PDB file of N, CA and C in Angstrom:
ATOM      1  N   MET A   1     104.394 104.555 101.954  1.00  0.00           N
ATOM      2  CA  MET A   1     103.012 104.465 102.352  1.00  0.00           C
ATOM      3  C   MET A   1     102.454 103.126 101.873  1.00  0.00           C
ATOM      4  N   THR A   2     101.633 102.508 102.645  1.00  0.00           N
ATOM      5  CA  THR A   2     101.002 101.268 102.217  1.00  0.00           C
ATOM      6  C   THR A   2      99.552 101.534 101.868  1.00  0.00           C
ATOM      7  N   ALA A   3      99.113 100.885 100.833  1.00  0.00           N
ATOM      8  CA  ALA A   3      97.718 100.994 100.415  1.00  0.00           C
ATOM      9  C   ALA A   3      97.244  99.578 100.133  1.00  0.00           C
ATOM     10  N   GLY A   4      96.416  99.035 101.018  1.00  0.00           N
ATOM     11  CA  GLY A   4      95.935  97.675 100.815  1.00  0.00           C
ATOM     12  C   GLY A   4      97.065  96.665 100.810  1.00  0.00           C
ATOM     13  N   GLY A   5      98.090  96.874 101.653  1.00  0.00           N
ATOM     14  CA  GLY A   5      99.223  95.963 101.706  1.00  0.00           C
ATOM     15  C   GLY A   5     100.292  96.262 100.666  1.00  0.00           C
ATOM     16  N   ARG A   6     100.092  97.279  99.855  1.00  0.00           N
ATOM     17  CA  ARG A   6     101.038  97.661  98.807  1.00  0.00           C
ATOM     18  C   ARG A   6     101.900  98.826  99.275  1.00  0.00           C
ATOM     19  N   VAL A   7     103.171  98.792  98.985  1.00  0.00           N
ATOM     20  CA  VAL A   7     104.069  99.885  99.357  1.00  0.00           C
ATOM     21  C   VAL A   7     104.300 100.763  98.132  1.00  0.00           C
ATOM     22  N   THR A   8     104.082 102.061  98.296  1.00  0.00           N
ATOM     23  CA  THR A   8     104.349 103.034  97.240  1.00  0.00           C
ATOM     24  C   THR A   8     104.969 104.267  97.880  1.00  0.00           C
ATOM     25  N   GLY A   9     105.530 105.130  97.070  1.00  0.00           N
ATOM     26  CA  GLY A   9     106.079 106.366  97.603  1.00  0.00           C
ATOM     27  C   GLY A   9     107.001 107.037  96.615  1.00  0.00           C
ATOM     28  N   THR A  10     107.485 108.196  97.011  1.00  0.00           N
ATOM     29  CA  THR A  10     108.383 108.968  96.165  1.00  0.00           C
ATOM     30  C   THR A  10     109.542 109.483  97.008  1.00  0.00           C
ATOM     31  N   LEU A  11     110.745 109.334  96.476  1.00  0.00           N
ATOM     32  CA  LEU A  11     111.952 109.860  97.109  1.00  0.00           C
ATOM     33  C   LEU A  11     112.497 110.944  96.192  1.00  0.00           C
ATOM     34  N   THR A  12     112.678 112.142  96.739  1.00  0.00           N
ATOM     35  CA  THR A  12     113.184 113.263  95.956  1.00  0.00           C
ATOM     36  C   THR A  12     114.503 113.730  96.555  1.00  0.00           C
ATOM     37  N   VAL A  13     115.516 113.852  95.693  1.00  0.00           N
ATOM     38  CA  VAL A  13     116.826 114.344  96.114  1.00  0.00           C
ATOM     39  C   VAL A  13     117.134 115.593  95.296  1.00  0.00           C
ATOM     40  N   ALA A  14     117.480 116.668  95.967  1.00  0.00           N
ATOM     41  CA  ALA A  14     117.894 117.882  95.260  1.00  0.00           C
ATOM     42  C   ALA A  14     119.228 117.597  94.573  1.00  0.00           C
ATOM     43  N   ALA A  15     119.256 117.670  93.258  1.00  0.00           N
ATOM     44  CA  ALA A  15     120.479 117.350  92.509  1.00  0.00           C
ATOM     45  C   ALA A  15     121.642 118.246  92.939  1.00  0.00           C
ATOM     46  N   GLY A  16     121.349 119.472  93.317  1.00  0.00           N
ATOM     47  CA  GLY A  16     122.390 120.394  93.761  1.00  0.00           C
ATOM     48  C   GLY A  16     122.975 120.053  95.115  1.00  0.00           C
ATOM     49  N   SER A  17     122.351 119.115  95.828  1.00  0.00           N
ATOM     50  CA  SER A  17     122.856 118.741  97.153  1.00  0.00           C
ATOM     51  C   SER A  17     123.921 117.657  97.083  1.00  0.00           C
ATOM     52  N   ILE A  18     124.132 117.083  95.909  1.00  0.00           N
ATOM     53  CA  ILE A  18     125.134 116.021  95.772  1.00  0.00           C
ATOM     54  C   ILE A  18     126.518 116.636  95.929  1.00  0.00           C
ATOM     55  N   ASP A  19     127.299 116.082  96.849  1.00  0.00           N
ATOM     56  CA  ASP A  19     128.617 116.611  97.191  1.00  0.00           C
ATOM     57  C   ASP A  19     129.650 115.518  97.006  1.00  0.00           C
ATOM     58  N   THR A  20     130.541 115.700  96.038  1.00  0.00           N
ATOM     59  CA  THR A  20     131.579 114.704  95.756  1.00  0.00           C
ATOM     60  C   THR A  20     132.910 115.042  96.427  1.00  0.00           C
ATOM     61  N   LYS A  21     132.938 116.140  97.174  1.00  0.00           N
ATOM     62  CA  LYS A  21     134.157 116.628  97.836  1.00  0.00           C
ATOM     63  C   LYS A  21     135.161 117.199  96.828  1.00  0.00           C
ATOM     64  N   SER A  22     134.687 117.505  95.622  1.00  0.00           N
ATOM     65  CA  SER A  22     135.520 118.149  94.605  1.00  0.00           C
ATOM     66  C   SER A  22     134.715 119.312  94.027  1.00  0.00           C
ATOM     67  N   THR A  23     135.128 120.538  94.329  1.00  0.00           N
ATOM     68  CA  THR A  23     134.398 121.726  93.892  1.00  0.00           C
ATOM     69  C   THR A  23     134.233 121.761  92.377  1.00  0.00           C
ATOM     70  N   MET A  24     135.289 121.436  91.653  1.00  0.00           N
ATOM     71  CA  MET A  24     135.236 121.466  90.191  1.00  0.00           C
ATOM     72  C   MET A  24     134.259 120.405  89.656  1.00  0.00           C
ATOM     73  N   ARG A  25     134.324 119.202  90.199  1.00  0.00           N
ATOM     74  CA  ARG A  25     133.428 118.123  89.760  1.00  0.00           C
ATOM     75  C   ARG A  25     131.978 118.474  90.108  1.00  0.00           C
ATOM     76  N   ASP A  26     131.748 119.011  91.310  1.00  0.00           N
ATOM     77  CA  ASP A  26     130.394 119.390  91.711  1.00  0.00           C
ATOM     78  C   ASP A  26     129.837 120.478  90.790  1.00  0.00           C
ATOM     79  N   LYS A  27     130.678 121.426  90.379  1.00  0.00           N
ATOM     80  CA  LYS A  27     130.242 122.470  89.446  1.00  0.00           C
ATOM     81  C   LYS A  27     129.825 121.837  88.120  1.00  0.00           C
ATOM     82  N   ASP A  28     130.602 120.895  87.620  1.00  0.00           N
ATOM     83  CA  ASP A  28     130.240 120.185  86.382  1.00  0.00           C
ATOM     84  C   ASP A  28     128.933 119.421  86.547  1.00  0.00           C
ATOM     85  N   LEU A  29     128.764 118.722  87.674  1.00  0.00           N
ATOM     86  CA  LEU A  29     127.536 117.952  87.908  1.00  0.00           C
ATOM     87  C   LEU A  29     126.306 118.849  87.860  1.00  0.00           C
ATOM     88  N   ARG A  30     126.397 120.046  88.408  1.00  0.00           N
ATOM     89  CA  ARG A  30     125.248 120.950  88.496  1.00  0.00           C
ATOM     90  C   ARG A  30     124.972 121.684  87.180  1.00  0.00           C
ATOM     91  N   SER A  31     125.959 121.717  86.286  1.00  0.00           N
ATOM     92  CA  SER A  31     125.850 122.472  85.036  1.00  0.00           C
ATOM     93  C   SER A  31     124.915 121.800  84.027  1.00  0.00           C
ATOM     94  N   ALA A  32     124.635 122.532  82.946  1.00  0.00           N
ATOM     95  CA  ALA A  32     123.783 122.008  81.869  1.00  0.00           C
ATOM     96  C   ALA A  32     124.430 120.807  81.180  1.00  0.00           C
ATOM     97  N   LYS A  33     125.735 120.595  81.378  1.00  0.00           N
ATOM     98  CA  LYS A  33     126.415 119.444  80.786  1.00  0.00           C
ATOM     99  C   LYS A  33     125.945 118.127  81.394  1.00  0.00           C
ATOM    100  N   LEU A  34     125.519 118.180  82.664  1.00  0.00           N
ATOM    101  CA  LEU A  34     125.112 116.945  83.350  1.00  0.00           C
ATOM    102  C   LEU A  34     123.718 117.097  83.961  1.00  0.00           C
ATOM    103  N   PHE A  35     123.586 117.333  85.257  1.00  0.00           N
ATOM    104  CA  PHE A  35     122.261 117.352  85.889  1.00  0.00           C
ATOM    105  C   PHE A  35     121.387 118.539  85.466  1.00  0.00           C
ATOM    106  N   ASP A  36     122.011 119.638  85.042  1.00  0.00           N
ATOM    107  CA  ASP A  36     121.256 120.818  84.595  1.00  0.00           C
ATOM    108  C   ASP A  36     120.250 121.243  85.668  1.00  0.00           C
ATOM    109  N   ILE A  37     120.779 121.539  86.866  1.00  0.00           N
ATOM    110  CA  ILE A  37     119.890 121.802  88.006  1.00  0.00           C
ATOM    111  C   ILE A  37     119.044 123.062  87.837  1.00  0.00           C
ATOM    112  N   ALA A  38     119.416 123.974  86.944  1.00  0.00           N
ATOM    113  CA  ALA A  38     118.585 125.159  86.709  1.00  0.00           C
ATOM    114  C   ALA A  38     117.237 124.751  86.112  1.00  0.00           C
ATOM    115  N   ASN A  39     117.229 123.704  85.294  1.00  0.00           N
ATOM    116  CA  ASN A  39     115.998 123.240  84.656  1.00  0.00           C
ATOM    117  C   ASN A  39     115.436 121.958  85.268  1.00  0.00           C
ATOM    118  N   HIS A  40     116.289 121.190  85.935  1.00  0.00           N
ATOM    119  CA  HIS A  40     115.887 119.902  86.517  1.00  0.00           C
ATOM    120  C   HIS A  40     116.495 119.789  87.924  1.00  0.00           C
ATOM    121  N   PRO A  41     115.922 120.504  88.892  1.00  0.00           N
ATOM    122  CA  PRO A  41     116.542 120.578  90.217  1.00  0.00           C
ATOM    123  C   PRO A  41     116.495 119.289  91.032  1.00  0.00           C
ATOM    124  N   ASP A  42     115.607 118.358  90.682  1.00  0.00           N
ATOM    125  CA  ASP A  42     115.436 117.166  91.518  1.00  0.00           C
ATOM    126  C   ASP A  42     115.691 115.868  90.761  1.00  0.00           C
ATOM    127  N   ILE A  43     116.192 114.898  91.498  1.00  0.00           N
ATOM    128  CA  ILE A  43     116.285 113.509  91.051  1.00  0.00           C
ATOM    129  C   ILE A  43     115.183 112.786  91.822  1.00  0.00           C
ATOM    130  N   ILE A  44     114.320 112.078  91.113  1.00  0.00           N
ATOM    131  CA  ILE A  44     113.123 111.510  91.748  1.00  0.00           C
ATOM    132  C   ILE A  44     113.041 110.013  91.481  1.00  0.00           C
ATOM    133  N   TYR A  45     112.798 109.254  92.546  1.00  0.00           N
ATOM    134  CA  TYR A  45     112.515 107.830  92.398  1.00  0.00           C
ATOM    135  C   TYR A  45     111.113 107.578  92.915  1.00  0.00           C
ATOM    136  N   THR A  46     110.261 107.045  92.050  1.00  0.00           N
ATOM    137  CA  THR A  46     108.882 106.735  92.413  1.00  0.00           C
ATOM    138  C   THR A  46     108.758 105.229  92.580  1.00  0.00           C
ATOM    139  N   VAL A  47     108.391 104.798  93.775  1.00  0.00           N
ATOM    140  CA  VAL A  47     108.249 103.371  94.082  1.00  0.00           C
ATOM    141  C   VAL A  47     106.862 102.902  93.661  1.00  0.00           C
ATOM    142  N   ASP A  48     106.825 101.877  92.823  1.00  0.00           N
ATOM    143  CA  ASP A  48     105.553 101.289  92.397  1.00  0.00           C
ATOM    144  C   ASP A  48     105.193 100.068  93.225  1.00  0.00           C
ATOM    145  N   SER A  49     106.228  99.301  93.642  1.00  0.00           N
ATOM    146  CA  SER A  49     105.952  98.110  94.451  1.00  0.00           C
ATOM    147  C   SER A  49     107.210  97.662  95.189  1.00  0.00           C
ATOM    148  N   VAL A  50     106.976  96.973  96.294  1.00  0.00           N
ATOM    149  CA  VAL A  50     108.045  96.337  97.065  1.00  0.00           C
ATOM    150  C   VAL A  50     107.541  94.939  97.396  1.00  0.00           C
ATOM    151  N   GLN A  51     108.312  93.937  96.971  1.00  0.00           N
ATOM    152  CA  GLN A  51     107.910  92.542  97.168  1.00  0.00           C
ATOM    153  C   GLN A  51     109.058  91.767  97.817  1.00  0.00           C
ATOM    154  N   PRO A  52     108.755  90.776  98.656  1.00  0.00           N
ATOM    155  CA  PRO A  52     109.815  89.928  99.206  1.00  0.00           C
ATOM    156  C   PRO A  52     110.575  89.230  98.075  1.00  0.00           C
ATOM    157  N   ALA A  53     111.913  89.177  98.208  1.00  0.00           N
ATOM    158  CA  ALA A  53     112.736  88.523  97.182  1.00  0.00           C
ATOM    159  C   ALA A  53     114.149  88.323  97.686  1.00  0.00           C
ATOM    160  N   ASN A  54     114.729  87.176  97.408  1.00  0.00           N
ATOM    161  CA  ASN A  54     116.145  86.906  97.664  1.00  0.00           C
ATOM    162  C   ASN A  54     116.573  87.238  99.092  1.00  0.00           C
ATOM    163  N   GLY A  55     115.748  86.932 100.074  1.00  0.00           N
ATOM    164  CA  GLY A  55     116.092  87.201 101.469  1.00  0.00           C
ATOM    165  C   GLY A  55     115.950  88.665 101.854  1.00  0.00           C
ATOM    166  N   GLY A  56     115.445  89.482 100.971  1.00  0.00           N
ATOM    167  CA  GLY A  56     115.222  90.905 101.230  1.00  0.00           C
ATOM    168  C   GLY A  56     113.970  91.332 100.514  1.00  0.00           C
ATOM    169  N   VAL A  57     114.079  92.409  99.737  1.00  0.00           N
ATOM    170  CA  VAL A  57     112.942  92.877  98.954  1.00  0.00           C
ATOM    171  C   VAL A  57     113.385  93.259  97.553  1.00  0.00           C
ATOM    172  N   ARG A  58     112.440  93.215  96.636  1.00  0.00           N
ATOM    173  CA  ARG A  58     112.635  93.696  95.267  1.00  0.00           C
ATOM    174  C   ARG A  58     111.810  94.976  95.148  1.00  0.00           C
ATOM    175  N   VAL A  59     112.487  96.081  94.879  1.00  0.00           N
ATOM    176  CA  VAL A  59     111.835  97.378  94.744  1.00  0.00           C
ATOM    177  C   VAL A  59     111.712  97.684  93.257  1.00  0.00           C
ATOM    178  N   ALA A  60     110.509  98.019  92.814  1.00  0.00           N
ATOM    179  CA  ALA A  60     110.278  98.365  91.409  1.00  0.00           C
ATOM    180  C   ALA A  60     109.724  99.780  91.338  1.00  0.00           C
ATOM    181  N   GLY A  61     110.192 100.539  90.361  1.00  0.00           N
ATOM    182  CA  GLY A  61     109.707 101.903  90.210  1.00  0.00           C
ATOM    183  C   GLY A  61     110.335 102.580  89.020  1.00  0.00           C
ATOM    184  N   ASN A  62     110.340 103.904  89.060  1.00  0.00           N
ATOM    185  CA  ASN A  62     110.902 104.716  87.988  1.00  0.00           C
ATOM    186  C   ASN A  62     111.839 105.762  88.561  1.00  0.00           C
ATOM    187  N   LEU A  63     113.004 105.904  87.914  1.00  0.00           N
ATOM    188  CA  LEU A  63     113.975 106.924  88.285  1.00  0.00           C
ATOM    189  C   LEU A  63     113.913 108.030  87.241  1.00  0.00           C
ATOM    190  N   THR A  64     113.790 109.275  87.722  1.00  0.00           N
ATOM    191  CA  THR A  64     113.770 110.425  86.822  1.00  0.00           C
ATOM    192  C   THR A  64     114.979 111.299  87.119  1.00  0.00           C
ATOM    193  N   VAL A  65     115.810 111.478  86.101  1.00  0.00           N
ATOM    194  CA  VAL A  65     116.999 112.319  86.190  1.00  0.00           C
ATOM    195  C   VAL A  65     116.994 113.207  84.953  1.00  0.00           C
ATOM    196  N   ARG A  66     117.154 114.500  85.183  1.00  0.00           N
ATOM    197  CA  ARG A  66     117.207 115.451  84.074  1.00  0.00           C
ATOM    198  C   ARG A  66     115.961 115.363  83.185  1.00  0.00           C
ATOM    199  N   GLY A  67     114.818 115.093  83.815  1.00  0.00           N
ATOM    200  CA  GLY A  67     113.557 115.045  83.098  1.00  0.00           C
ATOM    201  C   GLY A  67     113.284 113.749  82.356  1.00  0.00           C
ATOM    202  N   ARG A  68     114.211 112.792  82.423  1.00  0.00           N
ATOM    203  CA  ARG A  68     114.022 111.502  81.754  1.00  0.00           C
ATOM    204  C   ARG A  68     113.695 110.429  82.774  1.00  0.00           C
ATOM    205  N   ALA A  69     112.541 109.801  82.605  1.00  0.00           N
ATOM    206  CA  ALA A  69     112.118 108.731  83.513  1.00  0.00           C
ATOM    207  C   ALA A  69     112.410 107.383  82.873  1.00  0.00           C
ATOM    208  N   ARG A  70     112.979 106.488  83.675  1.00  0.00           N
ATOM    209  CA  ARG A  70     113.287 105.138  83.209  1.00  0.00           C
ATOM    210  C   ARG A  70     112.883 104.158  84.303  1.00  0.00           C
ATOM    211  N   PRO A  71     112.354 102.979  83.918  1.00  0.00           N
ATOM    212  CA  PRO A  71     112.055 101.958  84.925  1.00  0.00           C
ATOM    213  C   PRO A  71     113.349 101.522  85.603  1.00  0.00           C
ATOM    214  N   LEU A  72     113.287 101.317  86.900  1.00  0.00           N
ATOM    215  CA  LEU A  72     114.458 100.871  87.642  1.00  0.00           C
ATOM    216  C   LEU A  72     114.001  99.985  88.796  1.00  0.00           C
ATOM    217  N   SER A  73     114.414  98.737  88.752  1.00  0.00           N
ATOM    218  CA  SER A  73     114.116  97.784  89.824  1.00  0.00           C
ATOM    219  C   SER A  73     115.429  97.309  90.421  1.00  0.00           C
ATOM    220  N   PHE A  74     115.392  96.979  91.719  1.00  0.00           N
ATOM    221  CA  PHE A  74     116.608  96.523  92.381  1.00  0.00           C
ATOM    222  C   PHE A  74     116.264  95.713  93.618  1.00  0.00           C
ATOM    223  N   ASP A  75     117.202  94.852  94.009  1.00  0.00           N
ATOM    224  CA  ASP A  75     117.080  94.079  95.242  1.00  0.00           C
ATOM    225  C   ASP A  75     117.718  94.863  96.376  1.00  0.00           C
ATOM    226  N   ALA A  76     117.123  94.774  97.569  1.00  0.00           N
ATOM    227  CA  ALA A  76     117.641  95.492  98.731  1.00  0.00           C
ATOM    228  C   ALA A  76     117.567  94.610  99.961  1.00  0.00           C
ATOM    229  N   LYS A  77     118.503  94.846 100.867  1.00  0.00           N
ATOM    230  CA  LYS A  77     118.477  94.195 102.180  1.00  0.00           C
ATOM    231  C   LYS A  77     117.641  95.066 103.101  1.00  0.00           C
ATOM    232  N   VAL A  78     116.887  94.413 103.987  1.00  0.00           N
ATOM    233  CA  VAL A  78     116.032  95.145 104.921  1.00  0.00           C
ATOM    234  C   VAL A  78     116.361  94.708 106.331  1.00  0.00           C
ATOM    235  N   SER A  79     116.438  95.674 107.234  1.00  0.00           N
ATOM    236  CA  SER A  79     116.613  95.365 108.654  1.00  0.00           C
ATOM    237  C   SER A  79     115.706  96.302 109.451  1.00  0.00           C
ATOM    238  N   ALA A  80     115.301  95.828 110.620  1.00  0.00           N
ATOM    239  CA  ALA A  80     114.409  96.630 111.462  1.00  0.00           C
ATOM    240  C   ALA A  80     114.874  96.560 112.902  1.00  0.00           C
ATOM    241  N   ALA A  81     114.836  97.707 113.576  1.00  0.00           N
ATOM    242  CA  ALA A  81     115.196  97.781 114.995  1.00  0.00           C
ATOM    243  C   ALA A  81     114.765  99.133 115.542  1.00  0.00           C
ATOM    244  N   ALA A  82     114.340  99.127 116.787  1.00  0.00           N
ATOM    245  CA  ALA A  82     114.022 100.362 117.527  1.00  0.00           C
ATOM    246  C   ALA A  82     113.118 101.316 116.748  1.00  0.00           C
ATOM    247  N   GLY A  83     112.070 100.805 116.137  1.00  0.00           N
ATOM    248  CA  GLY A  83     111.123 101.660 115.438  1.00  0.00           C
ATOM    249  C   GLY A  83     111.590 102.161 114.088  1.00  0.00           C
ATOM    250  N   GLU A  84     112.683 101.621 113.578  1.00  0.00           N
ATOM    251  CA  GLU A  84     113.206 102.015 112.275  1.00  0.00           C
ATOM    252  C   GLU A  84     113.244 100.813 111.338  1.00  0.00           C
ATOM    253  N   VAL A  85     113.088 101.103 110.069  1.00  0.00           N
ATOM    254  CA  VAL A  85     113.319 100.106 109.025  1.00  0.00           C
ATOM    255  C   VAL A  85     114.410 100.666 108.133  1.00  0.00           C
ATOM    256  N   GLN A  86     115.456  99.867 107.888  1.00  0.00           N
ATOM    257  CA  GLN A  86     116.555 100.309 107.040  1.00  0.00           C
ATOM    258  C   GLN A  86     116.567  99.502 105.759  1.00  0.00           C
ATOM    259  N   LEU A  87     116.868 100.183 104.681  1.00  0.00           N
ATOM    260  CA  LEU A  87     116.940  99.569 103.366  1.00  0.00           C
ATOM    261  C   LEU A  87     118.306  99.882 102.786  1.00  0.00           C
ATOM    262  N   ASP A  88     119.049  98.853 102.378  1.00  0.00           N
ATOM    263  CA  ASP A  88     120.377  99.035 101.813  1.00  0.00           C
ATOM    264  C   ASP A  88     120.458  98.356 100.458  1.00  0.00           C
ATOM    265  N   ALA A  89     121.033  99.069  99.479  1.00  0.00           N
ATOM    266  CA  ALA A  89     121.138  98.511  98.135  1.00  0.00           C
ATOM    267  C   ALA A  89     122.271  99.170  97.370  1.00  0.00           C
ATOM    268  N   GLU A  90     122.783  98.438  96.401  1.00  0.00           N
ATOM    269  CA  GLU A  90     123.706  98.983  95.418  1.00  0.00           C
ATOM    270  C   GLU A  90     123.052  98.764  94.062  1.00  0.00           C
ATOM    271  N   ILE A  91     122.823  99.858  93.342  1.00  0.00           N
ATOM    272  CA  ILE A  91     122.012  99.819  92.131  1.00  0.00           C
ATOM    273  C   ILE A  91     122.852 100.241  90.926  1.00  0.00           C
ATOM    274  N   PRO A  92     123.082  99.319  89.991  1.00  0.00           N
ATOM    275  CA  PRO A  92     123.821  99.695  88.787  1.00  0.00           C
ATOM    276  C   PRO A  92     122.940 100.524  87.847  1.00  0.00           C
ATOM    277  N   VAL A  93     123.497 101.613  87.328  1.00  0.00           N
ATOM    278  CA  VAL A  93     122.796 102.440  86.351  1.00  0.00           C
ATOM    279  C   VAL A  93     123.773 102.860  85.260  1.00  0.00           C
ATOM    280  N   ASN A  94     123.236 103.070  84.081  1.00  0.00           N
ATOM    281  CA  ASN A  94     124.025 103.623  82.989  1.00  0.00           C
ATOM    282  C   ASN A  94     123.556 105.062  82.831  1.00  0.00           C
ATOM    283  N   ARG A  95     124.427 106.003  83.109  1.00  0.00           N
ATOM    284  CA  ARG A  95     124.012 107.405  83.115  1.00  0.00           C
ATOM    285  C   ARG A  95     123.629 107.911  81.726  1.00  0.00           C
ATOM    286  N   ALA A  96     124.039 107.217  80.669  1.00  0.00           N
ATOM    287  CA  ALA A  96     123.627 107.600  79.314  1.00  0.00           C
ATOM    288  C   ALA A  96     122.116 107.446  79.142  1.00  0.00           C
ATOM    289  N   ASP A  97     121.497 106.541  79.919  1.00  0.00           N
ATOM    290  CA  ASP A  97     120.041 106.370  79.854  1.00  0.00           C
ATOM    291  C   ASP A  97     119.305 107.652  80.230  1.00  0.00           C
ATOM    292  N   PHE A  98     119.999 108.551  80.916  1.00  0.00           N
ATOM    293  CA  PHE A  98     119.394 109.797  81.373  1.00  0.00           C
ATOM    294  C   PHE A  98     120.007 111.017  80.685  1.00  0.00           C
ATOM    295  N   GLY A  99     120.749 110.787  79.608  1.00  0.00           N
ATOM    296  CA  GLY A  99     121.355 111.881  78.863  1.00  0.00           C
ATOM    297  C   GLY A  99     122.590 112.465  79.509  1.00  0.00           C
ATOM    298  N   LEU A 100     123.188 111.742  80.456  1.00  0.00           N
ATOM    299  CA  LEU A 100     124.369 112.239  81.177  1.00  0.00           C
ATOM    300  C   LEU A 100     125.635 111.620  80.583  1.00  0.00           C
ATOM    301  N   THR A 101     126.026 112.099  79.413  1.00  0.00           N
ATOM    302  CA  THR A 101     127.163 111.491  78.711  1.00  0.00           C
ATOM    303  C   THR A 101     128.431 112.337  78.762  1.00  0.00           C
ATOM    304  N   TYR A 102     128.343 113.563  79.255  1.00  0.00           N
ATOM    305  CA  TYR A 102     129.508 114.438  79.300  1.00  0.00           C
ATOM    306  C   TYR A 102     130.600 113.846  80.195  1.00  0.00           C
ATOM    307  N   SER A 103     131.820 113.867  79.696  1.00  0.00           N
ATOM    308  CA  SER A 103     132.996 113.459  80.466  1.00  0.00           C
ATOM    309  C   SER A 103     134.162 114.294  79.952  1.00  0.00           C
ATOM    310  N   PRO A 104     134.745 115.152  80.802  1.00  0.00           N
ATOM    311  CA  PRO A 104     135.767 116.090  80.337  1.00  0.00           C
ATOM    312  C   PRO A 104     136.896 115.446  79.534  1.00  0.00           C
ATOM    313  N   LEU A 105     137.400 114.348  79.942  1.00  0.00           N
ATOM    314  CA  LEU A 105     138.497 113.714  79.204  1.00  0.00           C
ATOM    315  C   LEU A 105     138.096 112.341  78.680  1.00  0.00           C
ATOM    316  N   ARG A 106     136.797 112.114  78.609  1.00  0.00           N
ATOM    317  CA  ARG A 106     136.250 110.824  78.178  1.00  0.00           C
ATOM    318  C   ARG A 106     136.790 109.676  79.029  1.00  0.00           C
ATOM    319  N   MET A 107     137.037 109.996  80.306  1.00  0.00           N
ATOM    320  CA  MET A 107     137.608 109.001  81.207  1.00  0.00           C
ATOM    321  C   MET A 107     136.568 108.393  82.142  1.00  0.00           C
ATOM    322  N   ALA A 108     135.451 109.081  82.367  1.00  0.00           N
ATOM    323  CA  ALA A 108     134.458 108.588  83.317  1.00  0.00           C
ATOM    324  C   ALA A 108     133.586 107.524  82.658  1.00  0.00           C
ATOM    325  N   SER A 109     133.376 106.460  83.372  1.00  0.00           N
ATOM    326  CA  SER A 109     132.524 105.376  82.875  1.00  0.00           C
ATOM    327  C   SER A 109     131.072 105.819  82.851  1.00  0.00           C
ATOM    328  N   LEU A 110     130.320 105.312  81.888  1.00  0.00           N
ATOM    329  CA  LEU A 110     128.882 105.562  81.849  1.00  0.00           C
ATOM    330  C   LEU A 110     128.150 104.639  82.806  1.00  0.00           C
ATOM    331  N   ASN A 111     128.803 103.553  83.213  1.00  0.00           N
ATOM    332  CA  ASN A 111     128.209 102.612  84.158  1.00  0.00           C
ATOM    333  C   ASN A 111     128.608 103.001  85.570  1.00  0.00           C
ATOM    334  N   ASN A 112     127.608 103.320  86.372  1.00  0.00           N
ATOM    335  CA  ASN A 112     127.835 103.761  87.740  1.00  0.00           C
ATOM    336  C   ASN A 112     126.978 102.965  88.702  1.00  0.00           C
ATOM    337  N   THR A 113     127.282 103.102  89.992  1.00  0.00           N
ATOM    338  CA  THR A 113     126.509 102.431  91.038  1.00  0.00           C
ATOM    339  C   THR A 113     125.972 103.464  92.005  1.00  0.00           C
ATOM    340  N   ILE A 114     124.663 103.398  92.246  1.00  0.00           N
ATOM    341  CA  ILE A 114     124.029 104.237  93.260  1.00  0.00           C
ATOM    342  C   ILE A 114     123.995 103.412  94.538  1.00  0.00           C
ATOM    343  N   THR A 115     124.569 103.926  95.612  1.00  0.00           N
ATOM    344  CA  THR A 115     124.533 103.249  96.898  1.00  0.00           C
ATOM    345  C   THR A 115     123.435 103.881  97.740  1.00  0.00           C
ATOM    346  N   VAL A 116     122.518 103.042  98.222  1.00  0.00           N
ATOM    347  CA  VAL A 116     121.386 103.534  99.001  1.00  0.00           C
ATOM    348  C   VAL A 116     121.463 102.997 100.422  1.00  0.00           C
ATOM    349  N   HIS A 117     121.344 103.889 101.381  1.00  0.00           N
ATOM    350  CA  HIS A 117     121.136 103.523 102.785  1.00  0.00           C
ATOM    351  C   HIS A 117     120.011 104.430 103.256  1.00  0.00           C
ATOM    352  N   ALA A 118     118.809 103.894 103.283  1.00  0.00           N
ATOM    353  CA  ALA A 118     117.638 104.679 103.653  1.00  0.00           C
ATOM    354  C   ALA A 118     117.108 104.193 104.997  1.00  0.00           C
ATOM    355  N   VAL A 119     116.759 105.141 105.865  1.00  0.00           N
ATOM    356  CA  VAL A 119     116.207 104.836 107.166  1.00  0.00           C
ATOM    357  C   VAL A 119     114.794 105.411 107.229  1.00  0.00           C
ATOM    358  N   PHE A 120     113.827 104.561 107.508  1.00  0.00           N
ATOM    359  CA  PHE A 120     112.432 104.981 107.600  1.00  0.00           C
ATOM    360  C   PHE A 120     111.992 104.898 109.057  1.00  0.00           C
ATOM    361  N   THR A 121     111.362 105.973 109.518  1.00  0.00           N
ATOM    362  CA  THR A 121     110.849 106.003 110.888  1.00  0.00           C
ATOM    363  C   THR A 121     109.344 106.308 110.829  1.00  0.00           C
ATOM    364  N   ARG A 122     108.682 105.952 111.860  1.00  0.00           N
ATOM    365  CA  ARG A 122     107.245 106.218 111.932  1.00  0.00           C
ATOM    366  C   ARG A 122     107.032 107.515 112.701  1.00  0.00           C
ATOM    367  N   GLU A 123     106.203 108.378 112.165  1.00  0.00           N
ATOM    368  CA  GLU A 123     105.904 109.656 112.832  1.00  0.00           C
ATOM    369  C   GLU A 123     104.787 109.477 113.827  1.00  0.00           C
TER     370      GLU A 123
END
């Protein structure tokens, strides 16, 4: 949504909807060891601003996972066609910032990348 030329908004993803194609891994993700979807069903990104930057845009906001909110800014590529605006980004995150440190064999890295491909249409 724009307000006086400013872009703001909220993106909510049901944590239980994340599908890694591994039943065992998905069960761990949903458990109290990681996302704890019984108490924290949603992953939320709140956009505070979007500004032109580096041939695309710089998105600034806060990411909330498992009830912990942290500032998160990232650069994204933007394209527009046929009434749609697409935003693509790869966002590095450290899952320990959100209390997600469980790893069954201590083999999983705490540094992960969130890949975003968002399509916005006008209603």
